[in-house]
Amino acid sequence: MKGAIETMVGIVLIAFMAVLSIAYISASLNTQKAQAYHSAVITEIEASDYTEAVMRQCEEKALENGYQELTIQPIVSAAGSKYAKVTLKYHYTIPLLNLFLEHQITGYAK
């Protein structure tokens, strides 16, 4: 009888760890997707030569894709070259642990 109880507890723990691992992997995939989207936005801004219409369109698309906010700040250096600071905010969630965080990715389009 003791062996059956130990086996059952072991199976329950393994099942719980499997569910927790799946939730963590899902959150990690969401982060990877946000990083890929951020890189795509930077590439699009660089290809458009920092056009204001393209930057606005990227900000609108980010909201449509479910990201919290995309901020693009165009900057001109002292030498006259253009670049932009691109910040993407997204939610990092693991519902099983009741963990709802806000993360952000910041990069520069040069």
PDB file of N, CA and C in Angstrom:
ATOM      1  N   MET A   1       0.815  -1.196   0.000  1.00  0.00           N
ATOM      2  CA  MET A   1       0.000   0.000   0.000  1.00  0.00           C
ATOM      3  C   MET A   1       0.860   1.262   0.000  1.00  0.00           C
ATOM      4  N   LYS A   2       1.950   1.211   0.761  1.00  0.00           N
ATOM      5  CA  LYS A   2       2.832   2.366   0.835  1.00  0.00           C
ATOM      6  C   LYS A   2       3.430   2.683  -0.546  1.00  0.00           C
ATOM      7  N   GLY A   3       3.786   1.664  -1.287  1.00  0.00           N
ATOM      8  CA  GLY A   3       4.361   1.843  -2.621  1.00  0.00           C
ATOM      9  C   GLY A   3       3.370   2.469  -3.588  1.00  0.00           C
ATOM     10  N   ALA A   4       2.093   2.135  -3.482  1.00  0.00           N
ATOM     11  CA  ALA A   4       1.071   2.696  -4.371  1.00  0.00           C
ATOM     12  C   ALA A   4       0.879   4.187  -4.109  1.00  0.00           C
ATOM     13  N   ILE A   5       0.901   4.573  -2.848  1.00  0.00           N
ATOM     14  CA  ILE A   5       0.741   5.994  -2.506  1.00  0.00           C
ATOM     15  C   ILE A   5       1.942   6.798  -2.997  1.00  0.00           C
ATOM     16  N   GLU A   6       3.140   6.280  -2.797  1.00  0.00           N
ATOM     17  CA  GLU A   6       4.347   6.962  -3.267  1.00  0.00           C
ATOM     18  C   GLU A   6       4.333   7.103  -4.789  1.00  0.00           C
ATOM     19  N   THR A   7       3.883   6.071  -5.465  1.00  0.00           N
ATOM     20  CA  THR A   7       3.800   6.123  -6.926  1.00  0.00           C
ATOM     21  C   THR A   7       2.789   7.169  -7.371  1.00  0.00           C
ATOM     22  N   MET A   8       1.655   7.225  -6.716  1.00  0.00           N
ATOM     23  CA  MET A   8       0.625   8.206  -7.066  1.00  0.00           C
ATOM     24  C   MET A   8       1.121   9.634  -6.830  1.00  0.00           C
ATOM     25  N   VAL A   9       1.783   9.864  -5.698  1.00  0.00           N
ATOM     26  CA  VAL A   9       2.335  11.195  -5.422  1.00  0.00           C
ATOM     27  C   VAL A   9       3.374  11.553  -6.473  1.00  0.00           C
ATOM     28  N   GLY A  10       4.193  10.617  -6.860  1.00  0.00           N
ATOM     29  CA  GLY A  10       5.203  10.852  -7.895  1.00  0.00           C
ATOM     30  C   GLY A  10       4.574  11.215  -9.232  1.00  0.00           C
ATOM     31  N   ILE A  11       3.518  10.524  -9.605  1.00  0.00           N
ATOM     32  CA  ILE A  11       2.831  10.798 -10.868  1.00  0.00           C
ATOM     33  C   ILE A  11       2.192  12.183 -10.841  1.00  0.00           C
ATOM     34  N   VAL A  12       1.583  12.549  -9.724  1.00  0.00           N
ATOM     35  CA  VAL A  12       0.962  13.875  -9.599  1.00  0.00           C
ATOM     36  C   VAL A  12       2.026  14.970  -9.709  1.00  0.00           C
ATOM     37  N   LEU A  13       3.157  14.783  -9.052  1.00  0.00           N
ATOM     38  CA  LEU A  13       4.246  15.768  -9.136  1.00  0.00           C
ATOM     39  C   LEU A  13       4.793  15.891 -10.559  1.00  0.00           C
ATOM     40  N   ILE A  14       4.951  14.773 -11.223  1.00  0.00           N
ATOM     41  CA  ILE A  14       5.437  14.805 -12.608  1.00  0.00           C
ATOM     42  C   ILE A  14       4.437  15.519 -13.509  1.00  0.00           C
ATOM     43  N   ALA A  15       3.155  15.257 -13.317  1.00  0.00           N
ATOM     44  CA  ALA A  15       2.125  15.933 -14.117  1.00  0.00           C
ATOM     45  C   ALA A  15       2.136  17.436 -13.860  1.00  0.00           C
ATOM     46  N   PHE A  16       2.264  17.837 -12.595  1.00  0.00           N
ATOM     47  CA  PHE A  16       2.320  19.259 -12.261  1.00  0.00           C
ATOM     48  C   PHE A  16       3.533  19.923 -12.896  1.00  0.00           C
ATOM     49  N   MET A  17       4.690  19.272 -12.850  1.00  0.00           N
ATOM     50  CA  MET A  17       5.899  19.823 -13.460  1.00  0.00           C
ATOM     51  C   MET A  17       5.751  19.923 -14.982  1.00  0.00           C
ATOM     52  N   ALA A  18       5.073  18.948 -15.585  1.00  0.00           N
ATOM     53  CA  ALA A  18       4.862  18.996 -17.031  1.00  0.00           C
ATOM     54  C   ALA A  18       3.985  20.184 -17.409  1.00  0.00           C
ATOM     55  N   VAL A  19       2.911  20.420 -16.665  1.00  0.00           N
ATOM     56  CA  VAL A  19       2.015  21.549 -16.941  1.00  0.00           C
ATOM     57  C   VAL A  19       2.752  22.867 -16.725  1.00  0.00           C
ATOM     58  N   LEU A  20       3.526  22.961 -15.658  1.00  0.00           N
ATOM     59  CA  LEU A  20       4.296  24.168 -15.382  1.00  0.00           C
ATOM     60  C   LEU A  20       5.343  24.418 -16.472  1.00  0.00           C
ATOM     61  N   SER A  21       5.978  23.356 -16.936  1.00  0.00           N
ATOM     62  CA  SER A  21       6.972  23.491 -18.012  1.00  0.00           C
ATOM     63  C   SER A  21       6.328  23.973 -19.308  1.00  0.00           C
ATOM     64  N   ILE A  22       5.163  23.475 -19.619  1.00  0.00           N
ATOM     65  CA  ILE A  22       4.454  23.906 -20.826  1.00  0.00           C
ATOM     66  C   ILE A  22       4.095  25.388 -20.731  1.00  0.00           C
ATOM     67  N   ALA A  23       3.663  25.846 -19.565  1.00  0.00           N
ATOM     68  CA  ALA A  23       3.340  27.263 -19.380  1.00  0.00           C
ATOM     69  C   ALA A  23       4.583  28.125 -19.548  1.00  0.00           C
ATOM     70  N   TYR A  24       5.709  27.679 -19.017  1.00  0.00           N
ATOM     71  CA  TYR A  24       6.962  28.432 -19.141  1.00  0.00           C
ATOM     72  C   TYR A  24       7.434  28.482 -20.592  1.00  0.00           C
ATOM     73  N   ILE A  25       7.335  27.367 -21.283  1.00  0.00           N
ATOM     74  CA  ILE A  25       7.733  27.324 -22.692  1.00  0.00           C
ATOM     75  C   ILE A  25       6.841  28.243 -23.523  1.00  0.00           C
ATOM     76  N   SER A  26       5.566  28.268 -23.229  1.00  0.00           N
ATOM     77  CA  SER A  26       4.640  29.152 -23.934  1.00  0.00           C
ATOM     78  C   SER A  26       5.021  30.619 -23.732  1.00  0.00           C
ATOM     79  N   ALA A  27       5.357  30.998 -22.498  1.00  0.00           N
ATOM     80  CA  ALA A  27       5.783  32.373 -22.224  1.00  0.00           C
ATOM     81  C   ALA A  27       7.091  32.693 -22.944  1.00  0.00           C
ATOM     82  N   SER A  28       8.000  31.740 -23.000  1.00  0.00           N
ATOM     83  CA  SER A  28       9.272  31.948 -23.700  1.00  0.00           C
ATOM     84  C   SER A  28       9.065  32.113 -25.203  1.00  0.00           C
ATOM     85  N   LEU A  29       8.144  31.358 -25.763  1.00  0.00           N
ATOM     86  CA  LEU A  29       7.838  31.500 -27.183  1.00  0.00           C
ATOM     87  C   LEU A  29       7.214  32.864 -27.476  1.00  0.00           C
ATOM     88  N   ASN A  30       6.402  33.361 -26.557  1.00  0.00           N
ATOM     89  CA  ASN A  30       5.822  34.691 -26.703  1.00  0.00           C
ATOM     90  C   ASN A  30       6.918  35.757 -26.705  1.00  0.00           C
ATOM     91  N   THR A  31       7.912  35.604 -25.844  1.00  0.00           N
ATOM     92  CA  THR A  31       9.043  36.535 -25.805  1.00  0.00           C
ATOM     93  C   THR A  31       9.840  36.473 -27.108  1.00  0.00           C
ATOM     94  N   GLN A  32      10.077  35.275 -27.608  1.00  0.00           N
ATOM     95  CA  GLN A  32      10.812  35.113 -28.860  1.00  0.00           C
ATOM     96  C   GLN A  32      10.052  35.753 -30.022  1.00  0.00           C
ATOM     97  N   LYS A  33       8.742  35.609 -30.029  1.00  0.00           N
ATOM     98  CA  LYS A  33       7.922  36.220 -31.068  1.00  0.00           C
ATOM     99  C   LYS A  33       8.009  37.750 -30.992  1.00  0.00           C
ATOM    100  N   ALA A  34       7.999  38.301 -29.785  1.00  0.00           N
ATOM    101  CA  ALA A  34       8.120  39.753 -29.612  1.00  0.00           C
ATOM    102  C   ALA A  34       9.483  40.249 -30.092  1.00  0.00           C
ATOM    103  N   GLN A  35      10.541  39.496 -29.816  1.00  0.00           N
ATOM    104  CA  GLN A  35      11.876  39.886 -30.278  1.00  0.00           C
ATOM    105  C   GLN A  35      11.967  39.856 -31.799  1.00  0.00           C
ATOM    106  N   ALA A  36      11.359  38.858 -32.413  1.00  0.00           N
ATOM    107  CA  ALA A  36      11.359  38.781 -33.871  1.00  0.00           C
ATOM    108  C   ALA A  36      10.569  39.938 -34.476  1.00  0.00           C
ATOM    109  N   TYR A  37       9.439  40.283 -33.873  1.00  0.00           N
ATOM    110  CA  TYR A  37       8.639  41.412 -34.368  1.00  0.00           C
ATOM    111  C   TYR A  37       9.411  42.716 -34.214  1.00  0.00           C
ATOM    112  N   HIS A  38      10.086  42.888 -33.102  1.00  0.00           N
ATOM    113  CA  HIS A  38      10.890  44.093 -32.862  1.00  0.00           C
ATOM    114  C   HIS A  38      11.980  44.226 -33.935  1.00  0.00           C
ATOM    115  N   SER A  39      12.648  43.142 -34.250  1.00  0.00           N
ATOM    116  CA  SER A  39      13.682  43.160 -35.293  1.00  0.00           C
ATOM    117  C   SER A  39      13.087  43.489 -36.659  1.00  0.00           C
ATOM    118  N   ALA A  40      11.906  42.957 -36.940  1.00  0.00           N
ATOM    119  CA  ALA A  40      11.254  43.242 -38.219  1.00  0.00           C
ATOM    120  C   ALA A  40      10.880  44.718 -38.328  1.00  0.00           C
ATOM    121  N   VAL A  41      10.429  45.303 -37.227  1.00  0.00           N
ATOM    122  CA  VAL A  41      10.085  46.735 -37.230  1.00  0.00           C
ATOM    123  C   VAL A  41      11.328  47.574 -37.480  1.00  0.00           C
ATOM    124  N   ILE A  42      12.426  47.229 -36.826  1.00  0.00           N
ATOM    125  CA  ILE A  42      13.672  47.975 -37.023  1.00  0.00           C
ATOM    126  C   ILE A  42      14.119  47.882 -38.477  1.00  0.00           C
ATOM    127  N   THR A  43      14.044  46.708 -39.058  1.00  0.00           N
ATOM    128  CA  THR A  43      14.437  46.530 -40.459  1.00  0.00           C
ATOM    129  C   THR A  43      13.535  47.344 -41.379  1.00  0.00           C
ATOM    130  N   GLU A  44      12.237  47.358 -41.105  1.00  0.00           N
ATOM    131  CA  GLU A  44      11.299  48.115 -41.933  1.00  0.00           C
ATOM    132  C   GLU A  44      11.555  49.616 -41.834  1.00  0.00           C
ATOM    133  N   ILE A  45      11.854  50.099 -40.649  1.00  0.00           N
ATOM    134  CA  ILE A  45      12.134  51.527 -40.467  1.00  0.00           C
ATOM    135  C   ILE A  45      13.414  51.917 -41.201  1.00  0.00           C
ATOM    136  N   GLU A  46      14.430  51.089 -41.098  1.00  0.00           N
ATOM    137  CA  GLU A  46      15.692  51.374 -41.794  1.00  0.00           C
ATOM    138  C   GLU A  46      15.492  51.361 -43.310  1.00  0.00           C
ATOM    139  N   ALA A  47      14.697  50.421 -43.800  1.00  0.00           N
ATOM    140  CA  ALA A  47      14.464  50.322 -45.244  1.00  0.00           C
ATOM    141  C   ALA A  47      13.656  51.499 -45.783  1.00  0.00           C
ATOM    142  N   SER A  48      12.806  52.086 -44.928  1.00  0.00           N
ATOM    143  CA  SER A  48      11.972  53.208 -45.381  1.00  0.00           C
ATOM    144  C   SER A  48      12.675  54.555 -45.222  1.00  0.00           C
ATOM    145  N   ASP A  49      13.894  54.540 -44.718  1.00  0.00           N
ATOM    146  CA  ASP A  49      14.672  55.757 -44.478  1.00  0.00           C
ATOM    147  C   ASP A  49      13.951  56.672 -43.491  1.00  0.00           C
ATOM    148  N   TYR A  50      13.387  56.054 -42.439  1.00  0.00           N
ATOM    149  CA  TYR A  50      12.789  56.758 -41.304  1.00  0.00           C
ATOM    150  C   TYR A  50      11.591  57.632 -41.692  1.00  0.00           C
ATOM    151  N   THR A  51      10.787  57.138 -42.624  1.00  0.00           N
ATOM    152  CA  THR A  51       9.587  57.851 -43.059  1.00  0.00           C
ATOM    153  C   THR A  51       8.545  57.849 -41.935  1.00  0.00           C
ATOM    154  N   GLU A  52       7.958  59.017 -41.686  1.00  0.00           N
ATOM    155  CA  GLU A  52       6.993  59.176 -40.594  1.00  0.00           C
ATOM    156  C   GLU A  52       5.763  58.279 -40.801  1.00  0.00           C
ATOM    157  N   ALA A  53       5.292  58.160 -42.029  1.00  0.00           N
ATOM    158  CA  ALA A  53       4.108  57.334 -42.306  1.00  0.00           C
ATOM    159  C   ALA A  53       4.374  55.863 -41.982  1.00  0.00           C
ATOM    160  N   VAL A  54       5.554  55.382 -42.301  1.00  0.00           N
ATOM    161  CA  VAL A  54       5.898  53.982 -42.029  1.00  0.00           C
ATOM    162  C   VAL A  54       5.999  53.757 -40.516  1.00  0.00           C
ATOM    163  N   MET A  55       6.555  54.717 -39.803  1.00  0.00           N
ATOM    164  CA  MET A  55       6.670  54.582 -38.354  1.00  0.00           C
ATOM    165  C   MET A  55       5.285  54.535 -37.693  1.00  0.00           C
ATOM    166  N   ARG A  56       4.368  55.384 -38.155  1.00  0.00           N
ATOM    167  CA  ARG A  56       3.003  55.355 -37.614  1.00  0.00           C
ATOM    168  C   ARG A  56       2.316  54.042 -37.925  1.00  0.00           C
ATOM    169  N   GLN A  57       2.524  53.559 -39.149  1.00  0.00           N
ATOM    170  CA  GLN A  57       1.912  52.296 -39.558  1.00  0.00           C
ATOM    171  C   GLN A  57       2.444  51.134 -38.702  1.00  0.00           C
ATOM    172  N   CYS A  58       3.726  51.154 -38.399  1.00  0.00           N
ATOM    173  CA  CYS A  58       4.301  50.108 -37.541  1.00  0.00           C
ATOM    174  C   CYS A  58       3.704  50.153 -36.141  1.00  0.00           C
ATOM    175  N   GLU A  59       3.495  51.357 -35.615  1.00  0.00           N
ATOM    176  CA  GLU A  59       2.899  51.498 -34.293  1.00  0.00           C
ATOM    177  C   GLU A  59       1.465  50.960 -34.272  1.00  0.00           C
ATOM    178  N   GLU A  60       0.706  51.228 -35.329  1.00  0.00           N
ATOM    179  CA  GLU A  60      -0.666  50.728 -35.418  1.00  0.00           C
ATOM    180  C   GLU A  60      -0.694  49.204 -35.548  1.00  0.00           C
ATOM    181  N   LYS A  61       0.221  48.648 -36.352  1.00  0.00           N
ATOM    182  CA  LYS A  61       0.275  47.196 -36.534  1.00  0.00           C
ATOM    183  C   LYS A  61       0.611  46.485 -35.229  1.00  0.00           C
ATOM    184  N   ALA A  62       1.470  47.105 -34.428  1.00  0.00           N
ATOM    185  CA  ALA A  62       1.850  46.487 -33.153  1.00  0.00           C
ATOM    186  C   ALA A  62       0.631  46.341 -32.251  1.00  0.00           C
ATOM    187  N   LEU A  63      -0.213  47.359 -32.215  1.00  0.00           N
ATOM    188  CA  LEU A  63      -1.433  47.276 -31.401  1.00  0.00           C
ATOM    189  C   LEU A  63      -2.377  46.214 -31.949  1.00  0.00           C
ATOM    190  N   GLU A  64      -2.469  46.124 -33.276  1.00  0.00           N
ATOM    191  CA  GLU A  64      -3.324  45.107 -33.897  1.00  0.00           C
ATOM    192  C   GLU A  64      -2.819  43.696 -33.614  1.00  0.00           C
ATOM    193  N   ASN A  65      -1.493  43.544 -33.510  1.00  0.00           N
ATOM    194  CA  ASN A  65      -0.906  42.228 -33.258  1.00  0.00           C
ATOM    195  C   ASN A  65      -0.929  41.833 -31.792  1.00  0.00           C
ATOM    196  N   GLY A  66      -1.479  42.691 -30.941  1.00  0.00           N
ATOM    197  CA  GLY A  66      -1.652  42.327 -29.542  1.00  0.00           C
ATOM    198  C   GLY A  66      -0.555  42.795 -28.605  1.00  0.00           C
ATOM    199  N   TYR A  67       0.375  43.571 -29.094  1.00  0.00           N
ATOM    200  CA  TYR A  67       1.406  44.107 -28.219  1.00  0.00           C
ATOM    201  C   TYR A  67       0.860  45.327 -27.491  1.00  0.00           C
ATOM    202  N   GLN A  68       1.399  45.590 -26.334  1.00  0.00           N
ATOM    203  CA  GLN A  68       0.866  46.665 -25.510  1.00  0.00           C
ATOM    204  C   GLN A  68       1.163  48.036 -26.116  1.00  0.00           C
ATOM    205  N   GLU A  69       2.408  48.252 -26.554  1.00  0.00           N
ATOM    206  CA  GLU A  69       2.773  49.557 -27.092  1.00  0.00           C
ATOM    207  C   GLU A  69       4.066  49.441 -27.887  1.00  0.00           C
ATOM    208  N   LEU A  70       4.148  50.206 -28.966  1.00  0.00           N
ATOM    209  CA  LEU A  70       5.378  50.336 -29.746  1.00  0.00           C
ATOM    210  C   LEU A  70       5.673  51.822 -29.845  1.00  0.00           C
ATOM    211  N   THR A  71       6.829  52.220 -29.331  1.00  0.00           N
ATOM    212  CA  THR A  71       7.225  53.618 -29.350  1.00  0.00           C
ATOM    213  C   THR A  71       8.439  53.772 -30.243  1.00  0.00           C
ATOM    214  N   ILE A  72       8.347  54.697 -31.203  1.00  0.00           N
ATOM    215  CA  ILE A  72       9.458  54.967 -32.113  1.00  0.00           C
ATOM    216  C   ILE A  72       9.826  56.438 -31.975  1.00  0.00           C
ATOM    217  N   GLN A  73      11.063  56.704 -31.561  1.00  0.00           N
ATOM    218  CA  GLN A  73      11.529  58.073 -31.394  1.00  0.00           C
ATOM    219  C   GLN A  73      12.614  58.355 -32.432  1.00  0.00           C
ATOM    220  N   PRO A  74      12.286  59.110 -33.493  1.00  0.00           N
ATOM    221  CA  PRO A  74      13.313  59.455 -34.473  1.00  0.00           C
ATOM    222  C   PRO A  74      14.291  60.471 -33.877  1.00  0.00           C
ATOM    223  N   ILE A  75      15.578  60.275 -34.152  1.00  0.00           N
ATOM    224  CA  ILE A  75      16.629  61.131 -33.603  1.00  0.00           C
ATOM    225  C   ILE A  75      17.610  61.457 -34.733  1.00  0.00           C
ATOM    226  N   VAL A  76      18.114  62.690 -34.725  1.00  0.00           N
ATOM    227  CA  VAL A  76      19.155  63.097 -35.674  1.00  0.00           C
ATOM    228  C   VAL A  76      20.402  63.409 -34.861  1.00  0.00           C
ATOM    229  N   SER A  77      21.511  62.785 -35.214  1.00  0.00           N
ATOM    230  CA  SER A  77      22.749  62.984 -34.460  1.00  0.00           C
ATOM    231  C   SER A  77      23.377  64.332 -34.805  1.00  0.00           C
ATOM    232  N   ALA A  78      24.412  64.701 -34.074  1.00  0.00           N
ATOM    233  CA  ALA A  78      25.112  65.959 -34.320  1.00  0.00           C
ATOM    234  C   ALA A  78      25.768  65.958 -35.694  1.00  0.00           C
ATOM    235  N   ALA A  79      26.132  64.793 -36.180  1.00  0.00           N
ATOM    236  CA  ALA A  79      26.753  64.677 -37.503  1.00  0.00           C
ATOM    237  C   ALA A  79      25.717  64.709 -38.622  1.00  0.00           C
ATOM    238  N   GLY A  80      24.433  64.676 -38.274  1.00  0.00           N
ATOM    239  CA  GLY A  80      23.376  64.745 -39.278  1.00  0.00           C
ATOM    240  C   GLY A  80      22.826  63.398 -39.704  1.00  0.00           C
ATOM    241  N   SER A  81      23.312  62.315 -39.126  1.00  0.00           N
ATOM    242  CA  SER A  81      22.787  61.001 -39.500  1.00  0.00           C
ATOM    243  C   SER A  81      21.519  60.711 -38.705  1.00  0.00           C
ATOM    244  N   LYS A  82      20.626  59.930 -39.320  1.00  0.00           N
ATOM    245  CA  LYS A  82      19.346  59.604 -38.700  1.00  0.00           C
ATOM    246  C   LYS A  82      19.428  58.250 -38.012  1.00  0.00           C
ATOM    247  N   TYR A  83      18.712  58.140 -36.922  1.00  0.00           N
ATOM    248  CA  TYR A  83      18.468  56.854 -36.282  1.00  0.00           C
ATOM    249  C   TYR A  83      17.216  56.974 -35.434  1.00  0.00           C
ATOM    250  N   ALA A  84      16.737  55.858 -34.920  1.00  0.00           N
ATOM    251  CA  ALA A  84      15.500  55.874 -34.140  1.00  0.00           C
ATOM    252  C   ALA A  84      15.602  54.878 -32.995  1.00  0.00           C
ATOM    253  N   LYS A  85      15.041  55.269 -31.873  1.00  0.00           N
ATOM    254  CA  LYS A  85      14.946  54.378 -30.719  1.00  0.00           C
ATOM    255  C   LYS A  85      13.583  53.688 -30.789  1.00  0.00           C
ATOM    256  N   VAL A  86      13.611  52.355 -30.803  1.00  0.00           N
ATOM    257  CA  VAL A  86      12.390  51.562 -30.949  1.00  0.00           C
ATOM    258  C   VAL A  86      12.182  50.741 -29.672  1.00  0.00           C
ATOM    259  N   THR A  87      11.045  50.964 -29.008  1.00  0.00           N
ATOM    260  CA  THR A  87      10.731  50.258 -27.767  1.00  0.00           C
ATOM    261  C   THR A  87       9.393  49.533 -27.934  1.00  0.00           C
ATOM    262  N   LEU A  88       9.414  48.226 -27.704  1.00  0.00           N
ATOM    263  CA  LEU A  88       8.212  47.397 -27.806  1.00  0.00           C
ATOM    264  C   LEU A  88       7.872  46.870 -26.418  1.00  0.00           C
ATOM    265  N   LYS A  89       6.651  47.151 -25.958  1.00  0.00           N
ATOM    266  CA  LYS A  89       6.179  46.640 -24.671  1.00  0.00           C
ATOM    267  C   LYS A  89       5.189  45.506 -24.929  1.00  0.00           C
ATOM    268  N   TYR A  90       5.345  44.431 -24.156  1.00  0.00           N
ATOM    269  CA  TYR A  90       4.460  43.286 -24.318  1.00  0.00           C
ATOM    270  C   TYR A  90       4.235  42.633 -22.956  1.00  0.00           C
ATOM    271  N   HIS A  91       3.212  41.784 -22.891  1.00  0.00           N
ATOM    272  CA  HIS A  91       2.883  41.101 -21.646  1.00  0.00           C
ATOM    273  C   HIS A  91       3.594  39.758 -21.581  1.00  0.00           C
ATOM    274  N   TYR A  92       4.153  39.446 -20.428  1.00  0.00           N
ATOM    275  CA  TYR A  92       4.779  38.160 -20.151  1.00  0.00           C
ATOM    276  C   TYR A  92       3.913  37.477 -19.100  1.00  0.00           C
ATOM    277  N   THR A  93       3.218  36.436 -19.486  1.00  0.00           N
ATOM    278  CA  THR A  93       2.245  35.821 -18.580  1.00  0.00           C
ATOM    279  C   THR A  93       2.487  34.328 -18.400  1.00  0.00           C
ATOM    280  N   ILE A  94       2.347  33.901 -17.169  1.00  0.00           N
ATOM    281  CA  ILE A  94       2.273  32.480 -16.831  1.00  0.00           C
ATOM    282  C   ILE A  94       1.039  32.344 -15.934  1.00  0.00           C
ATOM    283  N   PRO A  95      -0.122  32.043 -16.534  1.00  0.00           N
ATOM    284  CA  PRO A  95      -1.381  32.045 -15.779  1.00  0.00           C
ATOM    285  C   PRO A  95      -1.404  31.046 -14.620  1.00  0.00           C
ATOM    286  N   LEU A  96      -0.743  29.933 -14.771  1.00  0.00           N
ATOM    287  CA  LEU A  96      -0.752  28.910 -13.733  1.00  0.00           C
ATOM    288  C   LEU A  96      -0.166  29.437 -12.420  1.00  0.00           C
ATOM    289  N   LEU A  97       0.827  30.298 -12.526  1.00  0.00           N
ATOM    290  CA  LEU A  97       1.452  30.885 -11.340  1.00  0.00           C
ATOM    291  C   LEU A  97       0.884  32.261 -11.013  1.00  0.00           C
ATOM    292  N   ASN A  98      -0.128  32.681 -11.767  1.00  0.00           N
ATOM    293  CA  ASN A  98      -0.729  34.002 -11.603  1.00  0.00           C
ATOM    294  C   ASN A  98       0.327  35.093 -11.774  1.00  0.00           C
ATOM    295  N   LEU A  99       1.176  34.923 -12.781  1.00  0.00           N
ATOM    296  CA  LEU A  99       2.279  35.835 -13.048  1.00  0.00           C
ATOM    297  C   LEU A  99       1.959  36.637 -14.310  1.00  0.00           C
ATOM    298  N   PHE A 100       1.727  37.925 -14.151  1.00  0.00           N
ATOM    299  CA  PHE A 100       1.417  38.811 -15.262  1.00  0.00           C
ATOM    300  C   PHE A 100       2.371  39.994 -15.192  1.00  0.00           C
ATOM    301  N   LEU A 101       3.397  39.980 -16.029  1.00  0.00           N
ATOM    302  CA  LEU A 101       4.414  41.026 -16.023  1.00  0.00           C
ATOM    303  C   LEU A 101       4.410  41.787 -17.338  1.00  0.00           C
ATOM    304  N   GLU A 102       4.945  42.979 -17.293  1.00  0.00           N
ATOM    305  CA  GLU A 102       5.104  43.786 -18.504  1.00  0.00           C
ATOM    306  C   GLU A 102       6.594  43.864 -18.816  1.00  0.00           C
ATOM    307  N   HIS A 103       6.965  43.384 -19.980  1.00  0.00           N
ATOM    308  CA  HIS A 103       8.359  43.443 -20.417  1.00  0.00           C
ATOM    309  C   HIS A 103       8.478  44.415 -21.582  1.00  0.00           C
ATOM    310  N   GLN A 104       9.699  44.862 -21.836  1.00  0.00           N
ATOM    311  CA  GLN A 104       9.926  45.720 -22.991  1.00  0.00           C
ATOM    312  C   GLN A 104      11.267  45.388 -23.636  1.00  0.00           C
ATOM    313  N   ILE A 105      11.313  45.615 -24.926  1.00  0.00           N
ATOM    314  CA  ILE A 105      12.521  45.417 -25.716  1.00  0.00           C
ATOM    315  C   ILE A 105      12.866  46.773 -26.316  1.00  0.00           C
ATOM    316  N   THR A 106      14.103  47.198 -26.148  1.00  0.00           N
ATOM    317  CA  THR A 106      14.553  48.467 -26.694  1.00  0.00           C
ATOM    318  C   THR A 106      15.712  48.227 -27.641  1.00  0.00           C
ATOM    319  N   GLY A 107      15.670  48.881 -28.788  1.00  0.00           N
ATOM    320  CA  GLY A 107      16.742  48.766 -29.759  1.00  0.00           C
ATOM    321  C   GLY A 107      16.805  50.022 -30.602  1.00  0.00           C
ATOM    322  N   TYR A 108      17.804  50.078 -31.461  1.00  0.00           N
ATOM    323  CA  TYR A 108      18.008  51.260 -32.290  1.00  0.00           C
ATOM    324  C   TYR A 108      18.068  50.881 -33.763  1.00  0.00           C
ATOM    325  N   ALA A 109      17.363  51.658 -34.566  1.00  0.00           N
ATOM    326  CA  ALA A 109      17.433  51.524 -36.025  1.00  0.00           C
ATOM    327  C   ALA A 109      18.458  52.536 -36.494  1.00  0.00           C
ATOM    328  N   LYS A 110      19.529  52.059 -37.093  1.00  0.00           N
ATOM    329  CA  LYS A 110      20.612  52.963 -37.510  1.00  0.00           C
ATOM    330  C   LYS A 110      20.819  52.936 -38.999  1.00  0.00           C
TER     331      LYS A 110
END
